[in-house]
Amino acid sequence: MKLVPRKLDILILNQVGFLTQKRLARGVKLNNTEATLWDLFCSRLNELGKAIAWKTSCSTGCFRNVM
């Protein structure tokens, strides 16, 4: 099966993320690629958490004006 380069990148990142989760669950140290991906994943979750906290802490009209 031939994949577009963008879809291939997404597939590879997905697989690396899956392996990272499995290795962390077993307590194995991560290699460079996995550690980088895990760091990006954690920073993205932090950004989403801040956005969710902001949305829930102010009224909807206030949030629409800010965005």
PDB file of N, CA and C in Angstrom:
ATOM      1  N   MET A   1       0.844  -1.166   0.000  1.00  0.00           N
ATOM      2  CA  MET A   1       0.000   0.000   0.000  1.00  0.00           C
ATOM      3  C   MET A   1       0.898   1.240   0.000  1.00  0.00           C
ATOM      4  N   LYS A   2       0.588   2.177  -0.863  1.00  0.00           N
ATOM      5  CA  LYS A   2       1.330   3.440  -0.956  1.00  0.00           C
ATOM      6  C   LYS A   2       0.613   4.489  -0.119  1.00  0.00           C
ATOM      7  N   LEU A   3       1.396   5.217   0.660  1.00  0.00           N
ATOM      8  CA  LEU A   3       0.842   6.286   1.482  1.00  0.00           C
ATOM      9  C   LEU A   3       1.451   7.618   1.079  1.00  0.00           C
ATOM     10  N   VAL A   4       0.651   8.656   1.201  1.00  0.00           N
ATOM     11  CA  VAL A   4       1.130  10.015   0.986  1.00  0.00           C
ATOM     12  C   VAL A   4       2.131  10.311   2.108  1.00  0.00           C
ATOM     13  N   PRO A   5       3.187  11.080   1.835  1.00  0.00           N
ATOM     14  CA  PRO A   5       4.191  11.340   2.876  1.00  0.00           C
ATOM     15  C   PRO A   5       3.608  11.868   4.188  1.00  0.00           C
ATOM     16  N   ARG A   6       2.601  12.707   4.115  1.00  0.00           N
ATOM     17  CA  ARG A   6       1.994  13.245   5.340  1.00  0.00           C
ATOM     18  C   ARG A   6       1.340  12.136   6.154  1.00  0.00           C
ATOM     19  N   LYS A   7       0.623  11.250   5.485  1.00  0.00           N
ATOM     20  CA  LYS A   7      -0.034  10.140   6.179  1.00  0.00           C
ATOM     21  C   LYS A   7       0.994   9.162   6.738  1.00  0.00           C
ATOM     22  N   LEU A   8       2.091   8.980   6.024  1.00  0.00           N
ATOM     23  CA  LEU A   8       3.159   8.111   6.499  1.00  0.00           C
ATOM     24  C   LEU A   8       3.781   8.682   7.775  1.00  0.00           C
ATOM     25  N   ASP A   9       3.992   9.994   7.815  1.00  0.00           N
ATOM     26  CA  ASP A   9       4.522  10.640   9.017  1.00  0.00           C
ATOM     27  C   ASP A   9       3.576  10.456  10.201  1.00  0.00           C
ATOM     28  N   ILE A  10       2.288  10.618   9.955  1.00  0.00           N
ATOM     29  CA  ILE A  10       1.298  10.445  11.014  1.00  0.00           C
ATOM     30  C   ILE A  10       1.316   9.013  11.530  1.00  0.00           C
ATOM     31  N   LEU A  11       1.409   8.054  10.623  1.00  0.00           N
ATOM     32  CA  LEU A  11       1.449   6.648  11.011  1.00  0.00           C
ATOM     33  C   LEU A  11       2.684   6.340  11.853  1.00  0.00           C
ATOM     34  N   ILE A  12       3.826   6.851  11.443  1.00  0.00           N
ATOM     35  CA  ILE A  12       5.068   6.613  12.183  1.00  0.00           C
ATOM     36  C   ILE A  12       4.996   7.238  13.578  1.00  0.00           C
ATOM     37  N   LEU A  13       4.511   8.479  13.667  1.00  0.00           N
ATOM     38  CA  LEU A  13       4.386   9.132  14.974  1.00  0.00           C
ATOM     39  C   LEU A  13       3.419   8.386  15.884  1.00  0.00           C
ATOM     40  N   ASN A  14       2.350   7.873  15.298  1.00  0.00           N
ATOM     41  CA  ASN A  14       1.385   7.101  16.066  1.00  0.00           C
ATOM     42  C   ASN A  14       2.036   5.843  16.634  1.00  0.00           C
ATOM     43  N   GLN A  15       2.796   5.144  15.817  1.00  0.00           N
ATOM     44  CA  GLN A  15       3.454   3.923  16.265  1.00  0.00           C
ATOM     45  C   GLN A  15       4.511   4.208  17.331  1.00  0.00           C
ATOM     46  N   VAL A  16       5.280   5.271  17.136  1.00  0.00           N
ATOM     47  CA  VAL A  16       6.291   5.631  18.136  1.00  0.00           C
ATOM     48  C   VAL A  16       5.611   5.989  19.455  1.00  0.00           C
ATOM     49  N   GLY A  17       4.505   6.706  19.388  1.00  0.00           N
ATOM     50  CA  GLY A  17       3.764   7.047  20.601  1.00  0.00           C
ATOM     51  C   GLY A  17       3.236   5.818  21.319  1.00  0.00           C
ATOM     52  N   PHE A  18       2.747   4.854  20.555  1.00  0.00           N
ATOM     53  CA  PHE A  18       2.241   3.612  21.139  1.00  0.00           C
ATOM     54  C   PHE A  18       3.363   2.843  21.829  1.00  0.00           C
ATOM     55  N   LEU A  19       4.504   2.737  21.158  1.00  0.00           N
ATOM     56  CA  LEU A  19       5.650   2.048  21.755  1.00  0.00           C
ATOM     57  C   LEU A  19       6.160   2.779  22.994  1.00  0.00           C
ATOM     58  N   THR A  20       6.113   4.112  22.954  1.00  0.00           N
ATOM     59  CA  THR A  20       6.544   4.907  24.102  1.00  0.00           C
ATOM     60  C   THR A  20       5.674   4.608  25.319  1.00  0.00           C
ATOM     61  N   GLN A  21       4.376   4.546  25.113  1.00  0.00           N
ATOM     62  CA  GLN A  21       3.472   4.242  26.218  1.00  0.00           C
ATOM     63  C   GLN A  21       3.759   2.861  26.795  1.00  0.00           C
ATOM     64  N   LYS A  22       3.992   1.889  25.926  1.00  0.00           N
ATOM     65  CA  LYS A  22       4.279   0.536  26.394  1.00  0.00           C
ATOM     66  C   LYS A  22       5.584   0.483  27.177  1.00  0.00           C
ATOM     67  N   ARG A  23       6.610   1.178  26.678  1.00  0.00           N
ATOM     68  CA  ARG A  23       7.907   1.167  27.358  1.00  0.00           C
ATOM     69  C   ARG A  23       7.831   1.880  28.705  1.00  0.00           C
ATOM     70  N   LEU A  24       7.100   2.994  28.767  1.00  0.00           N
ATOM     71  CA  LEU A  24       6.943   3.697  30.043  1.00  0.00           C
ATOM     72  C   LEU A  24       6.196   2.833  31.056  1.00  0.00           C
ATOM     73  N   ALA A  25       5.189   2.104  30.590  1.00  0.00           N
ATOM     74  CA  ALA A  25       4.426   1.233  31.484  1.00  0.00           C
ATOM     75  C   ALA A  25       5.300   0.121  32.057  1.00  0.00           C
ATOM     76  N   ARG A  26       6.264  -0.351  31.276  1.00  0.00           N
ATOM     77  CA  ARG A  26       7.168  -1.407  31.749  1.00  0.00           C
ATOM     78  C   ARG A  26       8.309  -0.851  32.581  1.00  0.00           C
ATOM     79  N   GLY A  27       8.515   0.454  32.548  1.00  0.00           N
ATOM     80  CA  GLY A  27       9.598   1.073  33.301  1.00  0.00           C
ATOM     81  C   GLY A  27      10.920   1.100  32.562  1.00  0.00           C
ATOM     82  N   VAL A  28      10.889   0.941  31.244  1.00  0.00           N
ATOM     83  CA  VAL A  28      12.104   0.950  30.426  1.00  0.00           C
ATOM     84  C   VAL A  28      12.439   2.393  30.057  1.00  0.00           C
ATOM     85  N   LYS A  29      13.724   2.719  30.020  1.00  0.00           N
ATOM     86  CA  LYS A  29      14.136   4.058  29.606  1.00  0.00           C
ATOM     87  C   LYS A  29      13.808   4.271  28.132  1.00  0.00           C
ATOM     88  N   LEU A  30      13.467   5.510  27.798  1.00  0.00           N
ATOM     89  CA  LEU A  30      13.103   5.846  26.425  1.00  0.00           C
ATOM     90  C   LEU A  30      14.339   6.208  25.621  1.00  0.00           C
ATOM     91  N   ASN A  31      14.293   5.903  24.318  1.00  0.00           N
ATOM     92  CA  ASN A  31      15.382   6.346  23.452  1.00  0.00           C
ATOM     93  C   ASN A  31      15.137   7.800  23.052  1.00  0.00           C
ATOM     94  N   ASN A  32      16.019   8.378  22.266  1.00  0.00           N
ATOM     95  CA  ASN A  32      15.959   9.802  21.939  1.00  0.00           C
ATOM     96  C   ASN A  32      14.657  10.168  21.230  1.00  0.00           C
ATOM     97  N   THR A  33      14.264   9.390  20.236  1.00  0.00           N
ATOM     98  CA  THR A  33      13.041   9.684  19.480  1.00  0.00           C
ATOM     99  C   THR A  33      11.822   9.622  20.381  1.00  0.00           C
ATOM    100  N   GLU A  34      11.743   8.593  21.200  1.00  0.00           N
ATOM    101  CA  GLU A  34      10.598   8.435  22.088  1.00  0.00           C
ATOM    102  C   GLU A  34      10.547   9.545  23.131  1.00  0.00           C
ATOM    103  N   ALA A  35      11.691   9.907  23.665  1.00  0.00           N
ATOM    104  CA  ALA A  35      11.728  10.964  24.678  1.00  0.00           C
ATOM    105  C   ALA A  35      11.301  12.304  24.086  1.00  0.00           C
ATOM    106  N   THR A  36      11.738  12.578  22.866  1.00  0.00           N
ATOM    107  CA  THR A  36      11.352  13.821  22.200  1.00  0.00           C
ATOM    108  C   THR A  36       9.854  13.848  21.951  1.00  0.00           C
ATOM    109  N   LEU A  37       9.320  12.737  21.443  1.00  0.00           N
ATOM    110  CA  LEU A  37       7.887  12.658  21.178  1.00  0.00           C
ATOM    111  C   LEU A  37       7.101  12.783  22.479  1.00  0.00           C
ATOM    112  N   TRP A  38       7.559  12.134  23.537  1.00  0.00           N
ATOM    113  CA  TRP A  38       6.866  12.193  24.817  1.00  0.00           C
ATOM    114  C   TRP A  38       6.858  13.617  25.364  1.00  0.00           C
ATOM    115  N   ASP A  39       7.978  14.322  25.201  1.00  0.00           N
ATOM    116  CA  ASP A  39       8.069  15.710  25.654  1.00  0.00           C
ATOM    117  C   ASP A  39       7.084  16.586  24.887  1.00  0.00           C
ATOM    118  N   LEU A  40       7.005  16.393  23.562  1.00  0.00           N
ATOM    119  CA  LEU A  40       6.058  17.165  22.757  1.00  0.00           C
ATOM    120  C   LEU A  40       4.626  16.847  23.158  1.00  0.00           C
ATOM    121  N   PHE A  41       4.349  15.576  23.410  1.00  0.00           N
ATOM    122  CA  PHE A  41       3.011  15.152  23.804  1.00  0.00           C
ATOM    123  C   PHE A  41       2.618  15.793  25.137  1.00  0.00           C
ATOM    124  N   CYS A  42       3.536  15.771  26.105  1.00  0.00           N
ATOM    125  CA  CYS A  42       3.253  16.344  27.425  1.00  0.00           C
ATOM    126  C   CYS A  42       3.057  17.856  27.348  1.00  0.00           C
ATOM    127  N   SER A  43       3.871  18.531  26.540  1.00  0.00           N
ATOM    128  CA  SER A  43       3.719  19.983  26.425  1.00  0.00           C
ATOM    129  C   SER A  43       2.397  20.330  25.747  1.00  0.00           C
ATOM    130  N   ARG A  44       1.983  19.519  24.780  1.00  0.00           N
ATOM    131  CA  ARG A  44       0.696  19.745  24.113  1.00  0.00           C
ATOM    132  C   ARG A  44      -0.457  19.537  25.096  1.00  0.00           C
ATOM    133  N   LEU A  45      -0.354  18.519  25.941  1.00  0.00           N
ATOM    134  CA  LEU A  45      -1.388  18.293  26.947  1.00  0.00           C
ATOM    135  C   LEU A  45      -1.468  19.457  27.928  1.00  0.00           C
ATOM    136  N   ASN A  46      -0.322  20.009  28.295  1.00  0.00           N
ATOM    137  CA  ASN A  46      -0.312  21.165  29.194  1.00  0.00           C
ATOM    138  C   ASN A  46      -1.012  22.356  28.559  1.00  0.00           C
ATOM    139  N   GLU A  47      -0.763  22.585  27.269  1.00  0.00           N
ATOM    140  CA  GLU A  47      -1.421  23.690  26.571  1.00  0.00           C
ATOM    141  C   GLU A  47      -2.929  23.483  26.540  1.00  0.00           C
ATOM    142  N   LEU A  48      -3.356  22.251  26.247  1.00  0.00           N
ATOM    143  CA  LEU A  48      -4.788  21.962  26.216  1.00  0.00           C
ATOM    144  C   LEU A  48      -5.407  22.134  27.600  1.00  0.00           C
ATOM    145  N   GLY A  49      -4.684  21.706  28.626  1.00  0.00           N
ATOM    146  CA  GLY A  49      -5.183  21.857  29.991  1.00  0.00           C
ATOM    147  C   GLY A  49      -5.374  23.313  30.365  1.00  0.00           C
ATOM    148  N   LYS A  50      -4.443  24.156  29.969  1.00  0.00           N
ATOM    149  CA  LYS A  50      -4.571  25.587  30.253  1.00  0.00           C
ATOM    150  C   LYS A  50      -5.771  26.170  29.516  1.00  0.00           C
ATOM    151  N   ALA A  51      -5.976  25.748  28.267  1.00  0.00           N
ATOM    152  CA  ALA A  51      -7.105  26.259  27.490  1.00  0.00           C
ATOM    153  C   ALA A  51      -8.426  25.805  28.098  1.00  0.00           C
ATOM    154  N   ILE A  52      -8.488  24.566  28.542  1.00  0.00           N
ATOM    155  CA  ILE A  52      -9.718  24.057  29.144  1.00  0.00           C
ATOM    156  C   ILE A  52      -9.990  24.778  30.459  1.00  0.00           C
ATOM    157  N   ALA A  53      -8.965  24.979  31.259  1.00  0.00           N
ATOM    158  CA  ALA A  53      -9.139  25.689  32.529  1.00  0.00           C
ATOM    159  C   ALA A  53      -9.620  27.111  32.268  1.00  0.00           C
ATOM    160  N   TRP A  54      -9.099  27.747  31.242  1.00  0.00           N
ATOM    161  CA  TRP A  54      -9.508  29.105  30.914  1.00  0.00           C
ATOM    162  C   TRP A  54     -10.968  29.132  30.485  1.00  0.00           C
ATOM    163  N   LYS A  55     -11.385  28.171  29.664  1.00  0.00           N
ATOM    164  CA  LYS A  55     -12.765  28.139  29.189  1.00  0.00           C
ATOM    165  C   LYS A  55     -13.743  27.909  30.331  1.00  0.00           C
ATOM    166  N   THR A  56     -13.362  27.072  31.282  1.00  0.00           N
ATOM    167  CA  THR A  56     -14.283  26.769  32.373  1.00  0.00           C
ATOM    168  C   THR A  56     -14.286  27.840  33.454  1.00  0.00           C
ATOM    169  N   SER A  57     -13.258  28.670  33.498  1.00  0.00           N
ATOM    170  CA  SER A  57     -13.178  29.648  34.579  1.00  0.00           C
ATOM    171  C   SER A  57     -13.798  30.995  34.228  1.00  0.00           C
ATOM    172  N   CYS A  58     -14.245  31.187  33.003  1.00  0.00           N
ATOM    173  CA  CYS A  58     -14.901  32.450  32.668  1.00  0.00           C
ATOM    174  C   CYS A  58     -16.196  32.166  31.920  1.00  0.00           C
ATOM    175  N   SER A  59     -17.042  33.168  31.847  1.00  0.00           N
ATOM    176  CA  SER A  59     -18.325  32.985  31.181  1.00  0.00           C
ATOM    177  C   SER A  59     -18.131  32.865  29.671  1.00  0.00           C
ATOM    178  N   THR A  60     -19.128  32.340  28.975  1.00  0.00           N
ATOM    179  CA  THR A  60     -18.999  32.110  27.536  1.00  0.00           C
ATOM    180  C   THR A  60     -18.861  33.413  26.763  1.00  0.00           C
ATOM    181  N   GLY A  61     -19.557  34.444  27.168  1.00  0.00           N
ATOM    182  CA  GLY A  61     -19.436  35.725  26.476  1.00  0.00           C
ATOM    183  C   GLY A  61     -18.045  36.313  26.608  1.00  0.00           C
ATOM    184  N   CYS A  62     -17.466  36.186  27.779  1.00  0.00           N
ATOM    185  CA  CYS A  62     -16.110  36.681  28.026  1.00  0.00           C
ATOM    186  C   CYS A  62     -15.116  35.918  27.161  1.00  0.00           C
ATOM    187  N   PHE A  63     -15.266  34.600  27.100  1.00  0.00           N
ATOM    188  CA  PHE A  63     -14.327  33.783  26.328  1.00  0.00           C
ATOM    189  C   PHE A  63     -14.428  34.110  24.842  1.00  0.00           C
ATOM    190  N   ARG A  64     -15.625  34.348  24.327  1.00  0.00           N
ATOM    191  CA  ARG A  64     -15.783  34.691  22.904  1.00  0.00           C
ATOM    192  C   ARG A  64     -15.099  36.014  22.585  1.00  0.00           C
ATOM    193  N   ASN A  65     -15.172  36.964  23.498  1.00  0.00           N
ATOM    194  CA  ASN A  65     -14.528  38.253  23.269  1.00  0.00           C
ATOM    195  C   ASN A  65     -13.014  38.129  23.230  1.00  0.00           C
ATOM    196  N   VAL A  66     -12.468  37.237  24.039  1.00  0.00           N
ATOM    197  CA  VAL A  66     -11.020  37.049  24.076  1.00  0.00           C
ATOM    198  C   VAL A  66     -10.542  36.365  22.811  1.00  0.00           C
ATOM    199  N   MET A  67     -11.252  35.347  22.378  1.00  0.00           N
ATOM    200  CA  MET A  67     -10.851  34.592  21.194  1.00  0.00           C
ATOM    201  C   MET A  67     -11.192  35.392  19.962  1.00  0.00           C
TER     202      MET A  67
END
